[in-house]
Amino acid sequence: MTPQRQMSVTDRPNPAAMPPTDRTTEFLHLLGQCEENVRAFILAIMPHWADAEDVAQEVRIRLWQQFDSYDPTEDFAAWARTVAYYRVLTHREKLSRRRELLQPDFLEAVAREVSASSCDLHRRRALLTRCLGRLREELRGVLLQWYGGKESTRQIAARLGRSFDATRQSILRARNIVAKCVEENSPASGDRS
């Protein structure tokens, strides 16, 4: 399994210059990469799940409406979180009579924290993908099968025609290699307090 090369910001065409079908495809691709992240962002700053789902739907619509104004040299997820933040504020204004609304300064602080941790999560996923790509194909396959959760170590061993202990050792070895790679390549690896 070869990791897919992610499209860099400079590789992305300008949405406004695309034919409608390419523009739609590009939007759906970018949204698909960050939709979970944006939904988590909204859920972190909205006190009610149902309200958060309503806002998430409004955000998807607003992102599509404003896609022509999106600058492809910028991070789409960051742009989407900014749009989401303002949709949350608009929604809060509509619901201002509810007592359980969070204070604006708290809302801002949570939004900043979630945004920062979302960027970190994206970097960590990319690093994990890169480290998995460095494993020998056999080790990577066993590790991905095990983490896929559909088969136990015994089932993987039986399918591969290997002993349970040998398969377990392969999984442990692969986990250790990936963990060491992530640790060594993590920006904060030298700064452990």
C-alpha atoms as a PDB file:
ATOM      1  CA  MET A   1       0.000   0.000   0.000  1.00  0.00           C
ATOM      2  CA  THR A   2       1.620   3.224  -1.119  1.00  0.00           C
ATOM      3  CA  PRO A   3       0.663   6.369   0.805  1.00  0.00           C
ATOM      4  CA  GLN A   4      -1.135   8.850  -1.406  1.00  0.00           C
ATOM      5  CA  ARG A   5       0.646  12.100  -2.067  1.00  0.00           C
ATOM      6  CA  GLN A   6      -1.402  14.913  -0.644  1.00  0.00           C
ATOM      7  CA  MET A   7      -2.007  17.828  -2.953  1.00  0.00           C
ATOM      8  CA  SER A   8       0.089  20.755  -1.801  1.00  0.00           C
ATOM      9  CA  VAL A   9      -1.426  24.201  -1.517  1.00  0.00           C
ATOM     10  CA  THR A  10       0.472  25.392  -4.588  1.00  0.00           C
ATOM     11  CA  ASP A  11      -0.804  22.411  -6.653  1.00  0.00           C
ATOM     12  CA  ARG A  12      -4.429  23.422  -6.155  1.00  0.00           C
ATOM     13  CA  PRO A  13      -6.075  25.252  -9.017  1.00  0.00           C
ATOM     14  CA  ASN A  14      -8.056  28.418  -8.418  1.00  0.00           C
ATOM     15  CA  PRO A  15     -11.696  27.285  -7.816  1.00  0.00           C
ATOM     16  CA  ALA A  16     -13.185  30.272  -9.645  1.00  0.00           C
ATOM     17  CA  ALA A  17     -11.256  29.384 -12.835  1.00  0.00           C
ATOM     18  CA  MET A  18     -12.472  25.768 -12.935  1.00  0.00           C
ATOM     19  CA  PRO A  19     -15.313  24.315 -14.981  1.00  0.00           C
ATOM     20  CA  PRO A  20     -18.352  23.624 -12.749  1.00  0.00           C
ATOM     21  CA  THR A  21     -17.789  19.844 -12.474  1.00  0.00           C
ATOM     22  CA  ASP A  22     -14.082  20.226 -11.610  1.00  0.00           C
ATOM     23  CA  ARG A  23     -14.961  22.976  -9.143  1.00  0.00           C
ATOM     24  CA  THR A  24     -17.530  20.742  -7.444  1.00  0.00           C
ATOM     25  CA  THR A  25     -15.083  17.836  -7.323  1.00  0.00           C
ATOM     26  CA  GLU A  26     -12.340  20.028  -5.846  1.00  0.00           C
ATOM     27  CA  PHE A  27     -14.734  21.407  -3.215  1.00  0.00           C
ATOM     28  CA  LEU A  28     -15.956  17.953  -2.226  1.00  0.00           C
ATOM     29  CA  HIS A  29     -12.362  16.672  -2.053  1.00  0.00           C
ATOM     30  CA  LEU A  30     -11.222  19.525   0.196  1.00  0.00           C
ATOM     31  CA  LEU A  31     -14.347  19.341   2.365  1.00  0.00           C
ATOM     32  CA  GLY A  32     -13.996  15.583   2.705  1.00  0.00           C
ATOM     33  CA  GLN A  33     -10.458  15.973   4.022  1.00  0.00           C
ATOM     34  CA  CYS A  34     -11.465  18.335   6.825  1.00  0.00           C
ATOM     35  CA  GLU A  35     -15.191  17.868   7.464  1.00  0.00           C
ATOM     36  CA  GLU A  36     -14.635  15.728  10.569  1.00  0.00           C
ATOM     37  CA  ASN A  37     -12.184  18.330  11.866  1.00  0.00           C
ATOM     38  CA  VAL A  38     -14.657  21.197  11.294  1.00  0.00           C
ATOM     39  CA  ARG A  39     -17.502  19.258  12.911  1.00  0.00           C
ATOM     40  CA  ALA A  40     -15.311  18.576  15.978  1.00  0.00           C
ATOM     41  CA  PHE A  41     -14.448  22.274  16.102  1.00  0.00           C
ATOM     42  CA  ILE A  42     -18.149  23.219  16.073  1.00  0.00           C
ATOM     43  CA  LEU A  43     -19.038  20.589  18.695  1.00  0.00           C
ATOM     44  CA  ALA A  44     -16.281  21.923  20.954  1.00  0.00           C
ATOM     45  CA  ILE A  45     -17.780  25.413  21.043  1.00  0.00           C
ATOM     46  CA  MET A  46     -21.510  24.669  20.875  1.00  0.00           C
ATOM     47  CA  PRO A  47     -23.266  23.585  24.100  1.00  0.00           C
ATOM     48  CA  HIS A  48     -25.956  21.486  22.376  1.00  0.00           C
ATOM     49  CA  TRP A  49     -25.345  18.670  19.921  1.00  0.00           C
ATOM     50  CA  ALA A  50     -28.489  19.393  17.872  1.00  0.00           C
ATOM     51  CA  ASP A  51     -27.517  23.052  17.501  1.00  0.00           C
ATOM     52  CA  ALA A  52     -23.994  22.008  16.494  1.00  0.00           C
ATOM     53  CA  GLU A  53     -25.386  19.737  13.769  1.00  0.00           C
ATOM     54  CA  ASP A  54     -27.558  22.591  12.453  1.00  0.00           C
ATOM     55  CA  VAL A  55     -24.542  24.885  12.366  1.00  0.00           C
ATOM     56  CA  ALA A  56     -22.419  22.202  10.668  1.00  0.00           C
ATOM     57  CA  GLN A  57     -25.015  21.997   7.891  1.00  0.00           C
ATOM     58  CA  GLU A  58     -25.087  25.791   7.579  1.00  0.00           C
ATOM     59  CA  VAL A  59     -21.284  25.814   7.396  1.00  0.00           C
ATOM     60  CA  ARG A  60     -21.218  23.285   4.527  1.00  0.00           C
ATOM     61  CA  ILE A  61     -23.714  25.426   2.618  1.00  0.00           C
ATOM     62  CA  ARG A  62     -21.805  28.648   3.364  1.00  0.00           C
ATOM     63  CA  LEU A  63     -18.474  27.064   2.342  1.00  0.00           C
ATOM     64  CA  TRP A  64     -19.963  26.087  -1.006  1.00  0.00           C
ATOM     65  CA  GLN A  65     -21.502  29.543  -1.475  1.00  0.00           C
ATOM     66  CA  GLN A  66     -18.171  31.218  -0.740  1.00  0.00           C
ATOM     67  CA  PHE A  67     -15.914  28.673  -2.481  1.00  0.00           C
ATOM     68  CA  ASP A  68     -15.133  31.117  -5.313  1.00  0.00           C
ATOM     69  CA  SER A  69     -13.612  33.484  -2.740  1.00  0.00           C
ATOM     70  CA  TYR A  70     -11.430  30.731  -1.198  1.00  0.00           C
ATOM     71  CA  ASP A  71      -7.725  31.382  -1.818  1.00  0.00           C
ATOM     72  CA  PRO A  72      -6.193  28.026  -2.864  1.00  0.00           C
ATOM     73  CA  THR A  73      -2.822  29.068  -1.450  1.00  0.00           C
ATOM     74  CA  GLU A  74      -4.377  29.010   2.031  1.00  0.00           C
ATOM     75  CA  ASP A  75      -5.228  26.004   4.216  1.00  0.00           C
ATOM     76  CA  PHE A  76      -8.802  24.957   3.394  1.00  0.00           C
ATOM     77  CA  ALA A  77      -9.403  23.501   6.880  1.00  0.00           C
ATOM     78  CA  ALA A  78      -8.350  26.762   8.549  1.00  0.00           C
ATOM     79  CA  TRP A  79     -10.628  28.711   6.200  1.00  0.00           C
ATOM     80  CA  ALA A  80     -13.499  26.316   6.945  1.00  0.00           C
ATOM     81  CA  ARG A  81     -12.972  26.670  10.720  1.00  0.00           C
ATOM     82  CA  THR A  82     -13.057  30.467  10.341  1.00  0.00           C
ATOM     83  CA  VAL A  83     -16.356  30.247   8.452  1.00  0.00           C
ATOM     84  CA  ALA A  84     -17.634  27.834  11.134  1.00  0.00           C
ATOM     85  CA  TYR A  85     -16.617  30.213  13.925  1.00  0.00           C
ATOM     86  CA  TYR A  86     -18.625  33.042  12.417  1.00  0.00           C
ATOM     87  CA  ARG A  87     -21.622  30.755  11.788  1.00  0.00           C
ATOM     88  CA  VAL A  88     -21.473  29.751  15.483  1.00  0.00           C
ATOM     89  CA  LEU A  89     -21.487  33.427  16.481  1.00  0.00           C
ATOM     90  CA  THR A  90     -24.476  34.082  14.203  1.00  0.00           C
ATOM     91  CA  HIS A  91     -26.301  31.072  15.643  1.00  0.00           C
ATOM     92  CA  ARG A  92     -25.522  32.237  19.193  1.00  0.00           C
ATOM     93  CA  GLU A  93     -27.059  35.619  18.453  1.00  0.00           C
ATOM     94  CA  LYS A  94     -30.275  33.865  17.416  1.00  0.00           C
ATOM     95  CA  LEU A  95     -30.273  31.864  20.644  1.00  0.00           C
ATOM     96  CA  SER A  96     -29.124  34.644  22.953  1.00  0.00           C
ATOM     97  CA  ARG A  97     -32.124  34.185  25.226  1.00  0.00           C
ATOM     98  CA  ARG A  98     -30.884  30.794  26.378  1.00  0.00           C
ATOM     99  CA  ARG A  99     -29.041  30.994  29.698  1.00  0.00           C
ATOM    100  CA  GLU A 100     -26.585  28.191  28.994  1.00  0.00           C
ATOM    101  CA  LEU A 101     -24.681  30.038  26.271  1.00  0.00           C
ATOM    102  CA  LEU A 102     -20.964  30.204  26.872  1.00  0.00           C
ATOM    103  CA  GLN A 103     -19.296  33.539  27.435  1.00  0.00           C
ATOM    104  CA  PRO A 104     -17.690  35.012  24.271  1.00  0.00           C
ATOM    105  CA  ASP A 105     -14.160  35.100  25.759  1.00  0.00           C
ATOM    106  CA  PHE A 106     -14.433  31.434  26.728  1.00  0.00           C
ATOM    107  CA  LEU A 107     -15.776  30.619  23.263  1.00  0.00           C
ATOM    108  CA  GLU A 108     -12.801  32.384  21.655  1.00  0.00           C
ATOM    109  CA  ALA A 109     -10.299  30.595  23.901  1.00  0.00           C
ATOM    110  CA  VAL A 110     -11.810  27.180  23.117  1.00  0.00           C
ATOM    111  CA  ALA A 111     -11.917  27.994  19.393  1.00  0.00           C
ATOM    112  CA  ARG A 112      -8.199  28.918  19.416  1.00  0.00           C
ATOM    113  CA  GLU A 113      -7.271  25.768  21.325  1.00  0.00           C
ATOM    114  CA  VAL A 114      -9.309  23.458  19.090  1.00  0.00           C
ATOM    115  CA  SER A 115      -7.905  25.120  15.984  1.00  0.00           C
ATOM    116  CA  ALA A 116      -4.324  24.692  17.220  1.00  0.00           C
ATOM    117  CA  SER A 117      -4.866  21.063  18.200  1.00  0.00           C
ATOM    118  CA  SER A 118      -6.557  20.376  14.829  1.00  0.00           C
ATOM    119  CA  CYS A 119      -3.435  21.573  13.022  1.00  0.00           C
ATOM    120  CA  ASP A 120      -1.305  19.390  15.299  1.00  0.00           C
ATOM    121  CA  LEU A 121      -3.542  16.391  14.616  1.00  0.00           C
ATOM    122  CA  HIS A 122      -3.163  16.915  10.857  1.00  0.00           C
ATOM    123  CA  ARG A 123       0.648  17.042  11.216  1.00  0.00           C
ATOM    124  CA  ARG A 124       0.670  13.919  13.391  1.00  0.00           C
ATOM    125  CA  ARG A 125      -1.480  11.989  10.891  1.00  0.00           C
ATOM    126  CA  ALA A 126       0.857  12.971   8.054  1.00  0.00           C
ATOM    127  CA  LEU A 127       3.867  11.905  10.123  1.00  0.00           C
ATOM    128  CA  LEU A 128       2.233   8.586  11.004  1.00  0.00           C
ATOM    129  CA  THR A 129       1.454   7.951   7.319  1.00  0.00           C
ATOM    130  CA  ARG A 130       5.054   8.729   6.395  1.00  0.00           C
ATOM    131  CA  CYS A 131       6.396   6.416   9.132  1.00  0.00           C
ATOM    132  CA  LEU A 132       4.041   3.599   8.109  1.00  0.00           C
ATOM    133  CA  GLY A 133       5.291   4.026   4.555  1.00  0.00           C
ATOM    134  CA  ARG A 134       8.838   3.306   5.742  1.00  0.00           C
ATOM    135  CA  LEU A 135       7.920  -0.159   7.032  1.00  0.00           C
ATOM    136  CA  ARG A 136       8.576  -3.218   4.915  1.00  0.00           C
ATOM    137  CA  GLU A 137       5.368  -4.120   3.104  1.00  0.00           C
ATOM    138  CA  GLU A 138       4.961  -7.360   5.095  1.00  0.00           C
ATOM    139  CA  LEU A 139       5.221  -5.588   8.468  1.00  0.00           C
ATOM    140  CA  ARG A 140       2.978  -2.731   7.356  1.00  0.00           C
ATOM    141  CA  GLY A 141       0.344  -5.187   6.147  1.00  0.00           C
ATOM    142  CA  VAL A 142       0.307  -7.154   9.407  1.00  0.00           C
ATOM    143  CA  LEU A 143       0.141  -3.973  11.472  1.00  0.00           C
ATOM    144  CA  LEU A 144      -2.685  -2.471   9.403  1.00  0.00           C
ATOM    145  CA  GLN A 145      -4.639  -5.737   9.548  1.00  0.00           C
ATOM    146  CA  TRP A 146      -4.261  -5.866  13.310  1.00  0.00           C
ATOM    147  CA  TYR A 147      -5.242  -2.207  13.812  1.00  0.00           C
ATOM    148  CA  GLY A 148      -8.126  -2.675  11.389  1.00  0.00           C
ATOM    149  CA  GLY A 149      -9.721  -4.557  14.277  1.00  0.00           C
ATOM    150  CA  LYS A 150     -11.541  -7.105  12.159  1.00  0.00           C
ATOM    151  CA  GLU A 151      -9.156  -9.962  12.919  1.00  0.00           C
ATOM    152  CA  SER A 152      -7.433 -11.135  16.062  1.00  0.00           C
ATOM    153  CA  THR A 153      -3.727 -11.906  16.115  1.00  0.00           C
ATOM    154  CA  ARG A 154      -4.586 -15.635  15.919  1.00  0.00           C
ATOM    155  CA  GLN A 155      -6.767 -15.113  12.851  1.00  0.00           C
ATOM    156  CA  ILE A 156      -4.065 -13.061  11.116  1.00  0.00           C
ATOM    157  CA  ALA A 157      -1.483 -15.742  11.969  1.00  0.00           C
ATOM    158  CA  ALA A 158      -3.699 -18.528  10.619  1.00  0.00           C
ATOM    159  CA  ARG A 159      -4.396 -16.652   7.392  1.00  0.00           C
ATOM    160  CA  LEU A 160      -0.678 -15.965   6.885  1.00  0.00           C
ATOM    161  CA  GLY A 161       0.296 -19.530   7.813  1.00  0.00           C
ATOM    162  CA  ARG A 162       2.507 -18.299  10.644  1.00  0.00           C
ATOM    163  CA  SER A 163       2.614 -19.040  14.349  1.00  0.00           C
ATOM    164  CA  PHE A 164       0.775 -16.845  16.820  1.00  0.00           C
ATOM    165  CA  ASP A 165       4.055 -15.852  18.525  1.00  0.00           C
ATOM    166  CA  ALA A 166       5.770 -14.922  15.242  1.00  0.00           C
ATOM    167  CA  THR A 167       2.770 -12.817  14.201  1.00  0.00           C
ATOM    168  CA  ARG A 168       2.583 -11.136  17.617  1.00  0.00           C
ATOM    169  CA  GLN A 169       6.310 -10.347  17.433  1.00  0.00           C
ATOM    170  CA  SER A 170       5.860  -8.858  13.950  1.00  0.00           C
ATOM    171  CA  ILE A 171       3.070  -6.620  15.233  1.00  0.00           C
ATOM    172  CA  LEU A 172       5.139  -5.501  18.231  1.00  0.00           C
ATOM    173  CA  ARG A 173       8.218  -4.894  16.068  1.00  0.00           C
ATOM    174  CA  ALA A 174       6.190  -2.846  13.556  1.00  0.00           C
ATOM    175  CA  ARG A 175       4.557  -0.807  16.355  1.00  0.00           C
ATOM    176  CA  ASN A 176       7.962  -0.082  17.902  1.00  0.00           C
ATOM    177  CA  ILE A 177       9.466   0.958  14.555  1.00  0.00           C
ATOM    178  CA  VAL A 178       6.558   3.319  13.830  1.00  0.00           C
ATOM    179  CA  ALA A 179       6.562   4.728  17.380  1.00  0.00           C
ATOM    180  CA  LYS A 180      10.314   5.391  17.202  1.00  0.00           C
ATOM    181  CA  CYS A 181       9.959   7.041  13.782  1.00  0.00           C
ATOM    182  CA  VAL A 182       7.131   9.284  15.020  1.00  0.00           C
ATOM    183  CA  GLU A 183       9.082  10.156  18.172  1.00  0.00           C
ATOM    184  CA  GLU A 184      12.264  11.003  16.261  1.00  0.00           C
ATOM    185  CA  ASN A 185      10.478  13.056  13.605  1.00  0.00           C
ATOM    186  CA  SER A 186       8.013  14.873  15.838  1.00  0.00           C
ATOM    187  CA  PRO A 187       8.731  18.624  16.103  1.00  0.00           C
ATOM    188  CA  ALA A 188       8.420  18.434  19.900  1.00  0.00           C
ATOM    189  CA  SER A 189      10.667  15.357  20.267  1.00  0.00           C
ATOM    190  CA  GLY A 190      13.556  17.362  21.635  1.00  0.00           C
ATOM    191  CA  ASP A 191      11.411  19.437  23.996  1.00  0.00           C
ATOM    192  CA  ARG A 192       9.994  16.889  26.402  1.00  0.00           C
ATOM    193  CA  SER A 193       9.524  18.424  29.833  1.00  0.00           C
END
